[in-house]
PDB file of all heavy atoms in Angstrom:
ATOM      1  N   GLY A   1       3.939   0.651 -12.861  1.00  0.00           N
ATOM      2  CA  GLY A   1       2.657   0.408 -13.476  1.00  0.00           C
ATOM      3  C   GLY A   1       2.583  -0.855 -14.316  1.00  0.00           C
ATOM      4  O   GLY A   1       1.535  -1.161 -14.849  1.00  0.00           O
ATOM      5  N   ALA A   2       3.664  -1.587 -14.472  1.00  0.00           N
ATOM      6  CA  ALA A   2       3.658  -2.758 -15.348  1.00  0.00           C
ATOM      7  C   ALA A   2       4.053  -4.005 -14.587  1.00  0.00           C
ATOM      8  O   ALA A   2       4.857  -3.950 -13.676  1.00  0.00           O
ATOM      9  CB  ALA A   2       4.630  -2.525 -16.498  1.00  0.00           C
ATOM     10  N   ALA A   3       3.491  -5.130 -14.978  1.00  0.00           N
ATOM     11  CA  ALA A   3       3.882  -6.402 -14.370  1.00  0.00           C
ATOM     12  C   ALA A   3       5.255  -6.779 -14.878  1.00  0.00           C
ATOM     13  O   ALA A   3       5.613  -6.481 -16.010  1.00  0.00           O
ATOM     14  CB  ALA A   3       2.865  -7.484 -14.725  1.00  0.00           C
ATOM     15  N   SER A   4       6.033  -7.438 -14.050  1.00  0.00           N
ATOM     16  CA  SER A   4       7.361  -7.859 -14.461  1.00  0.00           C
ATOM     17  C   SER A   4       7.259  -9.084 -15.356  1.00  0.00           C
ATOM     18  O   SER A   4       6.206  -9.702 -15.466  1.00  0.00           O
ATOM     19  CB  SER A   4       8.220  -8.158 -13.232  1.00  0.00           C
ATOM     20  OG  SER A   4       7.676  -9.225 -12.509  1.00  0.00           O
ATOM     21  N   ALA A   5       8.378  -9.438 -15.989  1.00  0.00           N
ATOM     22  CA  ALA A   5       8.406 -10.551 -16.933  1.00  0.00           C
ATOM     23  C   ALA A   5       7.974 -11.869 -16.290  1.00  0.00           C
ATOM     24  O   ALA A   5       7.434 -12.743 -16.949  1.00  0.00           O
ATOM     25  CB  ALA A   5       9.800 -10.683 -17.536  1.00  0.00           C
ATOM     26  N   ASP A   6       8.221 -12.009 -14.973  1.00  0.00           N
ATOM     27  CA  ASP A   6       7.862 -13.267 -14.318  1.00  0.00           C
ATOM     28  C   ASP A   6       6.402 -13.280 -13.844  1.00  0.00           C
ATOM     29  O   ASP A   6       5.967 -14.220 -13.188  1.00  0.00           O
ATOM     30  CB  ASP A   6       8.805 -13.562 -13.147  1.00  0.00           C
ATOM     31  CG  ASP A   6       8.677 -12.552 -12.018  1.00  0.00           C
ATOM     32  OD1 ASP A   6       7.890 -11.598 -12.127  1.00  0.00           O
ATOM     33  OD2 ASP A   6       9.377 -12.716 -11.005  1.00  0.00           O
ATOM     34  N   GLY A   7       5.656 -12.198 -14.161  1.00  0.00           N
ATOM     35  CA  GLY A   7       4.248 -12.163 -13.804  1.00  0.00           C
ATOM     36  C   GLY A   7       3.978 -11.719 -12.377  1.00  0.00           C
ATOM     37  O   GLY A   7       2.852 -11.770 -11.913  1.00  0.00           O
ATOM     38  N   SER A   8       5.029 -11.280 -11.663  1.00  0.00           N
ATOM     39  CA  SER A   8       4.827 -10.861 -10.277  1.00  0.00           C
ATOM     40  C   SER A   8       4.053  -9.551 -10.223  1.00  0.00           C
ATOM     41  O   SER A   8       3.918  -8.848 -11.207  1.00  0.00           O
ATOM     42  CB  SER A   8       6.176 -10.729  -9.560  1.00  0.00           C
ATOM     43  OG  SER A   8       6.944  -9.719 -10.155  1.00  0.00           O
ATOM     44  N   VAL A   9       3.561  -9.233  -9.073  1.00  0.00           N
ATOM     45  CA  VAL A   9       2.769  -8.035  -8.865  1.00  0.00           C
ATOM     46  C   VAL A   9       3.661  -6.810  -9.020  1.00  0.00           C
ATOM     47  O   VAL A   9       4.807  -6.818  -8.614  1.00  0.00           O
ATOM     48  CB  VAL A   9       2.175  -8.050  -7.434  1.00  0.00           C
ATOM     49  CG1 VAL A   9       1.089  -7.012  -7.292  1.00  0.00           C
ATOM     50  CG2 VAL A   9       1.671  -9.412  -7.059  1.00  0.00           C
ATOM     51  N   PRO A  10       3.139  -5.723  -9.601  1.00  0.00           N
ATOM     52  CA  PRO A  10       3.929  -4.506  -9.729  1.00  0.00           C
ATOM     53  C   PRO A  10       4.350  -3.991  -8.355  1.00  0.00           C
ATOM     54  O   PRO A  10       3.724  -4.283  -7.359  1.00  0.00           O
ATOM     55  CB  PRO A  10       2.968  -3.524 -10.395  1.00  0.00           C
ATOM     56  CG  PRO A  10       1.888  -4.341 -10.989  1.00  0.00           C
ATOM     57  CD  PRO A  10       1.812  -5.605 -10.174  1.00  0.00           C
ATOM     58  N   GLY A  11       5.396  -3.189  -8.332  1.00  0.00           N
ATOM     59  CA  GLY A  11       5.806  -2.588  -7.076  1.00  0.00           C
ATOM     60  C   GLY A  11       7.285  -2.689  -6.845  1.00  0.00           C
ATOM     61  O   GLY A  11       7.767  -2.367  -5.784  1.00  0.00           O
ATOM     62  N   GLY A  12       8.035  -3.111  -7.800  1.00  0.00           N
ATOM     63  CA  GLY A  12       9.480  -3.144  -7.657  1.00  0.00           C
ATOM     64  C   GLY A  12      10.041  -4.547  -7.656  1.00  0.00           C
ATOM     65  O   GLY A  12       9.326  -5.531  -7.443  1.00  0.00           O
ATOM     66  N   GLU A  13      11.318  -4.593  -7.910  1.00  0.00           N
ATOM     67  CA  GLU A  13      12.037  -5.863  -7.962  1.00  0.00           C
ATOM     68  C   GLU A  13      12.075  -6.530  -6.592  1.00  0.00           C
ATOM     69  O   GLU A  13      12.360  -5.890  -5.588  1.00  0.00           O
ATOM     70  CB  GLU A  13      13.457  -5.595  -8.444  1.00  0.00           C
ATOM     71  CG  GLU A  13      14.310  -6.821  -8.586  1.00  0.00           C
ATOM     72  CD  GLU A  13      15.698  -6.510  -9.117  1.00  0.00           C
ATOM     73  OE1 GLU A  13      16.004  -5.340  -9.401  1.00  0.00           O
ATOM     74  OE2 GLU A  13      16.479  -7.455  -9.224  1.00  0.00           O
ATOM     75  N   VAL A  14      11.806  -7.818  -6.546  1.00  0.00           N
ATOM     76  CA  VAL A  14      11.852  -8.566  -5.294  1.00  0.00           C
ATOM     77  C   VAL A  14      13.310  -8.765  -4.895  1.00  0.00           C
ATOM     78  O   VAL A  14      14.131  -9.233  -5.688  1.00  0.00           O
ATOM     79  CB  VAL A  14      11.146  -9.936  -5.420  1.00  0.00           C
ATOM     80  CG1 VAL A  14      11.371 -10.772  -4.170  1.00  0.00           C
ATOM     81  CG2 VAL A  14       9.671  -9.750  -5.693  1.00  0.00           C
ATOM     82  N   LEU A  15      13.638  -8.376  -3.662  1.00  0.00           N
ATOM     83  CA  LEU A  15      14.982  -8.585  -3.125  1.00  0.00           C
ATOM     84  C   LEU A  15      15.066  -9.904  -2.369  1.00  0.00           C
ATOM     85  O   LEU A  15      16.035 -10.634  -2.491  1.00  0.00           O
ATOM     86  CB  LEU A  15      15.382  -7.433  -2.203  1.00  0.00           C
ATOM     87  CG  LEU A  15      15.575  -6.076  -2.873  1.00  0.00           C
ATOM     88  CD1 LEU A  15      15.844  -5.002  -1.820  1.00  0.00           C
ATOM     89  CD2 LEU A  15      16.707  -6.134  -3.881  1.00  0.00           C
ATOM     90  N   GLY A  16      14.078 -10.184  -1.563  1.00  0.00           N
ATOM     91  CA  GLY A  16      14.108 -11.406  -0.765  1.00  0.00           C
ATOM     92  C   GLY A  16      13.014 -11.398   0.286  1.00  0.00           C
ATOM     93  O   GLY A  16      12.076 -10.605   0.229  1.00  0.00           O
ATOM     94  N   LYS A  17      13.190 -12.287   1.255  1.00  0.00           N
ATOM     95  CA  LYS A  17      12.220 -12.424   2.337  1.00  0.00           C
ATOM     96  C   LYS A  17      12.646 -11.583   3.534  1.00  0.00           C
ATOM     97  O   LYS A  17      13.824 -11.544   3.889  1.00  0.00           O
ATOM     98  CB  LYS A  17      12.126 -13.878   2.774  1.00  0.00           C
ATOM     99  CG  LYS A  17      11.661 -14.821   1.710  1.00  0.00           C
ATOM    100  CD  LYS A  17      11.687 -16.246   2.241  1.00  0.00           C
ATOM    101  CE  LYS A  17      11.354 -17.242   1.165  1.00  0.00           C
ATOM    102  NZ  LYS A  17      11.478 -18.618   1.656  1.00  0.00           N
ATOM    103  N   ALA A  18      11.674 -10.985   4.174  1.00  0.00           N
ATOM    104  CA  ALA A  18      11.949 -10.207   5.381  1.00  0.00           C
ATOM    105  C   ALA A  18      12.556 -11.095   6.460  1.00  0.00           C
ATOM    106  O   ALA A  18      13.403 -10.653   7.240  1.00  0.00           O
ATOM    107  CB  ALA A  18      10.672  -9.546   5.880  1.00  0.00           C
ATOM    108  N   SER A  19      12.161 -12.357   6.486  1.00  0.00           N
ATOM    109  CA  SER A  19      12.681 -13.286   7.496  1.00  0.00           C
ATOM    110  C   SER A  19      14.178 -13.576   7.326  1.00  0.00           C
ATOM    111  O   SER A  19      14.811 -14.085   8.247  1.00  0.00           O
ATOM    112  CB  SER A  19      11.891 -14.593   7.464  1.00  0.00           C
ATOM    113  OG  SER A  19      11.992 -15.202   6.188  1.00  0.00           O
ATOM    114  N   ASP A  20      14.738 -13.223   6.170  1.00  0.00           N
ATOM    115  CA  ASP A  20      16.175 -13.420   5.934  1.00  0.00           C
ATOM    116  C   ASP A  20      17.030 -12.281   6.499  1.00  0.00           C
ATOM    117  O   ASP A  20      18.260 -12.355   6.483  1.00  0.00           O
ATOM    118  CB  ASP A  20      16.464 -13.549   4.431  1.00  0.00           C
ATOM    119  CG  ASP A  20      15.914 -14.834   3.843  1.00  0.00           C
ATOM    120  OD1 ASP A  20      15.648 -15.788   4.609  1.00  0.00           O
ATOM    121  OD2 ASP A  20      15.746 -14.879   2.607  1.00  0.00           O
ATOM    122  N   ILE A  21      16.382 -11.223   6.980  1.00  0.00           N
ATOM    123  CA  ILE A  21      17.099 -10.070   7.524  1.00  0.00           C
ATOM    124  C   ILE A  21      17.057 -10.171   9.048  1.00  0.00           C
ATOM    125  O   ILE A  21      16.002 -10.001   9.659  1.00  0.00           O
ATOM    126  CB  ILE A  21      16.462  -8.733   7.076  1.00  0.00           C
ATOM    127  CG1 ILE A  21      16.209  -8.710   5.558  1.00  0.00           C
ATOM    128  CG2 ILE A  21      17.322  -7.557   7.533  1.00  0.00           C
ATOM    129  CD1 ILE A  21      17.435  -8.871   4.700  1.00  0.00           C
ATOM    130  N   PRO A  22      18.198 -10.426   9.683  1.00  0.00           N
ATOM    131  CA  PRO A  22      18.191 -10.573  11.145  1.00  0.00           C
ATOM    132  C   PRO A  22      17.967  -9.235  11.859  1.00  0.00           C
ATOM    133  O   PRO A  22      18.401  -8.188  11.390  1.00  0.00           O
ATOM    134  CB  PRO A  22      19.593 -11.111  11.452  1.00  0.00           C
ATOM    135  CG  PRO A  22      20.441 -10.673  10.304  1.00  0.00           C
ATOM    136  CD  PRO A  22      19.529 -10.618   9.106  1.00  0.00           C
ATOM    137  N   VAL A  23      17.275  -9.292  12.990  1.00  0.00           N
ATOM    138  CA  VAL A  23      17.097  -8.106  13.820  1.00  0.00           C
ATOM    139  C   VAL A  23      18.480  -7.682  14.317  1.00  0.00           C
ATOM    140  O   VAL A  23      19.277  -8.505  14.770  1.00  0.00           O
ATOM    141  CB  VAL A  23      16.157  -8.390  15.014  1.00  0.00           C
ATOM    142  CG1 VAL A  23      16.070  -7.175  15.930  1.00  0.00           C
ATOM    143  CG2 VAL A  23      14.781  -8.797  14.520  1.00  0.00           C
ATOM    144  N   GLY A  24      18.790  -6.393  14.178  1.00  0.00           N
ATOM    145  CA  GLY A  24      20.102  -5.882  14.570  1.00  0.00           C
ATOM    146  C   GLY A  24      21.175  -6.143  13.524  1.00  0.00           C
ATOM    147  O   GLY A  24      22.354  -5.914  13.761  1.00  0.00           O
ATOM    148  N   GLY A  25      20.765  -6.598  12.355  1.00  0.00           N
ATOM    149  CA  GLY A  25      21.721  -6.918  11.287  1.00  0.00           C
ATOM    150  C   GLY A  25      21.173  -6.514   9.941  1.00  0.00           C
ATOM    151  O   GLY A  25      20.361  -5.605   9.825  1.00  0.00           O
ATOM    152  N   GLY A  26      21.620  -7.223   8.913  1.00  0.00           N
ATOM    153  CA  GLY A  26      21.167  -6.907   7.572  1.00  0.00           C
ATOM    154  C   GLY A  26      21.717  -7.877   6.558  1.00  0.00           C
ATOM    155  O   GLY A  26      22.389  -8.851   6.909  1.00  0.00           O
ATOM    156  N   LYS A  27      21.427  -7.588   5.305  1.00  0.00           N
ATOM    157  CA  LYS A  27      21.879  -8.434   4.205  1.00  0.00           C
ATOM    158  C   LYS A  27      22.181  -7.560   2.997  1.00  0.00           C
ATOM    159  O   LYS A  27      21.426  -6.652   2.682  1.00  0.00           O
ATOM    160  CB  LYS A  27      20.793  -9.454   3.858  1.00  0.00           C
ATOM    161  CG  LYS A  27      21.169 -10.393   2.735  1.00  0.00           C
ATOM    162  CD  LYS A  27      20.091 -11.431   2.497  1.00  0.00           C
ATOM    163  CE  LYS A  27      20.490 -12.355   1.354  1.00  0.00           C
ATOM    164  NZ  LYS A  27      19.469 -13.365   1.097  1.00  0.00           N
ATOM    165  N   VAL A  28      23.289  -7.885   2.313  1.00  0.00           N
ATOM    166  CA  VAL A  28      23.674  -7.177   1.101  1.00  0.00           C
ATOM    167  C   VAL A  28      23.113  -7.936  -0.098  1.00  0.00           C
ATOM    168  O   VAL A  28      23.314  -9.140  -0.223  1.00  0.00           O
ATOM    169  CB  VAL A  28      25.214  -7.068   0.980  1.00  0.00           C
ATOM    170  CG1 VAL A  28      25.613  -6.387  -0.329  1.00  0.00           C
ATOM    171  CG2 VAL A  28      25.797  -6.318   2.170  1.00  0.00           C
ATOM    172  N   PHE A  29      22.413  -7.223  -0.970  1.00  0.00           N
ATOM    173  CA  PHE A  29      21.924  -7.766  -2.227  1.00  0.00           C
ATOM    174  C   PHE A  29      22.854  -7.201  -3.300  1.00  0.00           C
ATOM    175  O   PHE A  29      22.615  -6.129  -3.859  1.00  0.00           O
ATOM    176  CB  PHE A  29      20.465  -7.376  -2.461  1.00  0.00           C
ATOM    177  CG  PHE A  29      19.547  -7.955  -1.414  1.00  0.00           C
ATOM    178  CD1 PHE A  29      19.255  -7.253  -0.252  1.00  0.00           C
ATOM    179  CD2 PHE A  29      19.006  -9.223  -1.585  1.00  0.00           C
ATOM    180  CE1 PHE A  29      18.425  -7.791   0.719  1.00  0.00           C
ATOM    181  CE2 PHE A  29      18.165  -9.774  -0.617  1.00  0.00           C
ATOM    182  CZ  PHE A  29      17.888  -9.057   0.541  1.00  0.00           C
ATOM    183  N   GLU A  30      23.954  -7.926  -3.519  1.00  0.00           N
ATOM    184  CA  GLU A  30      25.042  -7.431  -4.357  1.00  0.00           C
ATOM    185  C   GLU A  30      24.605  -7.106  -5.777  1.00  0.00           C
ATOM    186  O   GLU A  30      24.991  -6.075  -6.326  1.00  0.00           O
ATOM    187  CB  GLU A  30      26.189  -8.445  -4.372  1.00  0.00           C
ATOM    188  CG  GLU A  30      27.445  -7.910  -5.005  1.00  0.00           C
ATOM    189  CD  GLU A  30      28.621  -8.844  -4.866  1.00  0.00           C
ATOM    190  OE1 GLU A  30      28.644  -9.682  -3.949  1.00  0.00           O
ATOM    191  OE2 GLU A  30      29.525  -8.727  -5.694  1.00  0.00           O
ATOM    192  N   GLU A  31      23.803  -7.964  -6.378  1.00  0.00           N
ATOM    193  CA  GLU A  31      23.389  -7.753  -7.770  1.00  0.00           C
ATOM    194  C   GLU A  31      22.623  -6.434  -7.939  1.00  0.00           C
ATOM    195  O   GLU A  31      22.788  -5.723  -8.913  1.00  0.00           O
ATOM    196  CB  GLU A  31      22.534  -8.920  -8.242  1.00  0.00           C
ATOM    197  CG  GLU A  31      22.141  -8.819  -9.704  1.00  0.00           C
ATOM    198  CD  GLU A  31      21.350 -10.028 -10.164  1.00  0.00           C
ATOM    199  OE1 GLU A  31      21.672 -11.162  -9.768  1.00  0.00           O
ATOM    200  OE2 GLU A  31      20.392  -9.818 -10.930  1.00  0.00           O
ATOM    201  N   GLN A  32      21.798  -6.106  -6.952  1.00  0.00           N
ATOM    202  CA  GLN A  32      21.009  -4.872  -7.010  1.00  0.00           C
ATOM    203  C   GLN A  32      21.735  -3.696  -6.363  1.00  0.00           C
ATOM    204  O   GLN A  32      21.221  -2.584  -6.379  1.00  0.00           O
ATOM    205  CB  GLN A  32      19.654  -5.084  -6.330  1.00  0.00           C
ATOM    206  CG  GLN A  32      18.773  -6.077  -7.025  1.00  0.00           C
ATOM    207  CD  GLN A  32      19.042  -7.520  -6.589  1.00  0.00           C
ATOM    208  OE1 GLN A  32      19.894  -7.815  -5.764  1.00  0.00           O
ATOM    209  NE2 GLN A  32      18.309  -8.448  -7.183  1.00  0.00           N
ATOM    210  N   GLU A  33      22.891  -3.948  -5.774  1.00  0.00           N
ATOM    211  CA  GLU A  33      23.679  -2.928  -5.076  1.00  0.00           C
ATOM    212  C   GLU A  33      22.868  -2.238  -3.981  1.00  0.00           C
ATOM    213  O   GLU A  33      22.855  -1.016  -3.841  1.00  0.00           O
ATOM    214  CB  GLU A  33      24.253  -1.918  -6.069  1.00  0.00           C
ATOM    215  CG  GLU A  33      25.226  -2.547  -7.035  1.00  0.00           C
ATOM    216  CD  GLU A  33      25.847  -1.566  -8.011  1.00  0.00           C
ATOM    217  OE1 GLU A  33      25.452  -0.379  -8.041  1.00  0.00           O
ATOM    218  OE2 GLU A  33      26.742  -1.989  -8.754  1.00  0.00           O
ATOM    219  N   VAL A  34      22.185  -3.072  -3.185  1.00  0.00           N
ATOM    220  CA  VAL A  34      21.347  -2.587  -2.089  1.00  0.00           C
ATOM    221  C   VAL A  34      21.671  -3.393  -0.844  1.00  0.00           C
ATOM    222  O   VAL A  34      21.933  -4.593  -0.923  1.00  0.00           O
ATOM    223  CB  VAL A  34      19.849  -2.752  -2.439  1.00  0.00           C
ATOM    224  CG1 VAL A  34      18.956  -2.428  -1.262  1.00  0.00           C
ATOM    225  CG2 VAL A  34      19.482  -1.888  -3.630  1.00  0.00           C
ATOM    226  N   VAL A  35      21.641  -2.723   0.304  1.00  0.00           N
ATOM    227  CA  VAL A  35      21.754  -3.420   1.580  1.00  0.00           C
ATOM    228  C   VAL A  35      20.480  -3.102   2.364  1.00  0.00           C
ATOM    229  O   VAL A  35      20.027  -1.957   2.385  1.00  0.00           O
ATOM    230  CB  VAL A  35      23.030  -3.030   2.360  1.00  0.00           C
ATOM    231  CG1 VAL A  35      23.101  -1.548   2.645  1.00  0.00           C
ATOM    232  CG2 VAL A  35      23.169  -3.821   3.646  1.00  0.00           C
ATOM    233  N   VAL A  36      19.893  -4.134   2.955  1.00  0.00           N
ATOM    234  CA  VAL A  36      18.682  -3.969   3.761  1.00  0.00           C
ATOM    235  C   VAL A  36      19.031  -4.337   5.189  1.00  0.00           C
ATOM    236  O   VAL A  36      19.653  -5.374   5.435  1.00  0.00           O
ATOM    237  CB  VAL A  36      17.525  -4.855   3.241  1.00  0.00           C
ATOM    238  CG1 VAL A  36      16.307  -4.735   4.159  1.00  0.00           C
ATOM    239  CG2 VAL A  36      17.155  -4.477   1.808  1.00  0.00           C
ATOM    240  N   THR A  37      18.648  -3.464   6.122  1.00  0.00           N
ATOM    241  CA  THR A  37      18.909  -3.724   7.537  1.00  0.00           C
ATOM    242  C   THR A  37      17.597  -3.766   8.300  1.00  0.00           C
ATOM    243  O   THR A  37      16.559  -3.294   7.825  1.00  0.00           O
ATOM    244  CB  THR A  37      19.819  -2.631   8.152  1.00  0.00           C
ATOM    245  OG1 THR A  37      19.141  -1.367   8.124  1.00  0.00           O
ATOM    246  CG2 THR A  37      21.148  -2.535   7.407  1.00  0.00           C
ATOM    247  N   GLN A  38      17.665  -4.342   9.501  1.00  0.00           N
ATOM    248  CA  GLN A  38      16.512  -4.379  10.410  1.00  0.00           C
ATOM    249  C   GLN A  38      17.024  -3.969  11.796  1.00  0.00           C
ATOM    250  O   GLN A  38      17.324  -4.810  12.637  1.00  0.00           O
ATOM    251  CB  GLN A  38      15.869  -5.783  10.448  1.00  0.00           C
ATOM    252  CG  GLN A  38      14.604  -5.812  11.237  1.00  0.00           C
ATOM    253  CD  GLN A  38      13.887  -7.161  11.238  1.00  0.00           C
ATOM    254  OE1 GLN A  38      12.787  -7.222  11.726  1.00  0.00           O
ATOM    255  NE2 GLN A  38      14.478  -8.235  10.737  1.00  0.00           N
ATOM    256  N   PRO A  39      17.136  -2.648  12.014  1.00  0.00           N
ATOM    257  CA  PRO A  39      17.672  -2.171  13.300  1.00  0.00           C
ATOM    258  C   PRO A  39      16.854  -2.639  14.500  1.00  0.00           C
ATOM    259  O   PRO A  39      17.404  -2.973  15.542  1.00  0.00           O
ATOM    260  CB  PRO A  39      17.631  -0.653  13.179  1.00  0.00           C
ATOM    261  CG  PRO A  39      17.518  -0.374  11.719  1.00  0.00           C
ATOM    262  CD  PRO A  39      16.825  -1.559  11.114  1.00  0.00           C
ATOM    263  N   LYS A  40      15.523  -2.627  14.365  1.00  0.00           N
ATOM    264  CA  LYS A  40      14.608  -3.100  15.405  1.00  0.00           C
ATOM    265  C   LYS A  40      13.619  -4.048  14.756  1.00  0.00           C
ATOM    266  O   LYS A  40      13.369  -3.961  13.551  1.00  0.00           O
ATOM    267  CB  LYS A  40      13.835  -1.926  16.023  1.00  0.00           C
ATOM    268  CG  LYS A  40      14.683  -0.952  16.803  1.00  0.00           C
ATOM    269  CD  LYS A  40      13.799   0.043  17.522  1.00  0.00           C
ATOM    270  CE  LYS A  40      13.889   1.394  16.839  1.00  0.00           C
ATOM    271  NZ  LYS A  40      13.083   2.415  17.475  1.00  0.00           N
ATOM    272  N   GLU A  41      13.051  -4.922  15.552  1.00  0.00           N
ATOM    273  CA  GLU A  41      12.058  -5.884  15.055  1.00  0.00           C
ATOM    274  C   GLU A  41      10.997  -5.181  14.207  1.00  0.00           C
ATOM    275  O   GLU A  41      10.357  -4.228  14.655  1.00  0.00           O
ATOM    276  CB  GLU A  41      11.380  -6.585  16.232  1.00  0.00           C
ATOM    277  CG  GLU A  41      10.323  -7.570  15.821  1.00  0.00           C
ATOM    278  CD  GLU A  41      10.814  -8.997  15.836  1.00  0.00           C
ATOM    279  OE1 GLU A  41      11.709  -9.309  16.633  1.00  0.00           O
ATOM    280  OE2 GLU A  41      10.297  -9.791  15.051  1.00  0.00           O
TER     281      GLU A  41
END
């Protein structure tokens, strides 16, 4: 419900761009301890 310190839109911490996640692969966001994958396009 609150805007972040950088003024971004509410909805959670930004991890990155969807275009940075390869189809059939993924990316580890070490600082947030999250891995995002894109099994299919």
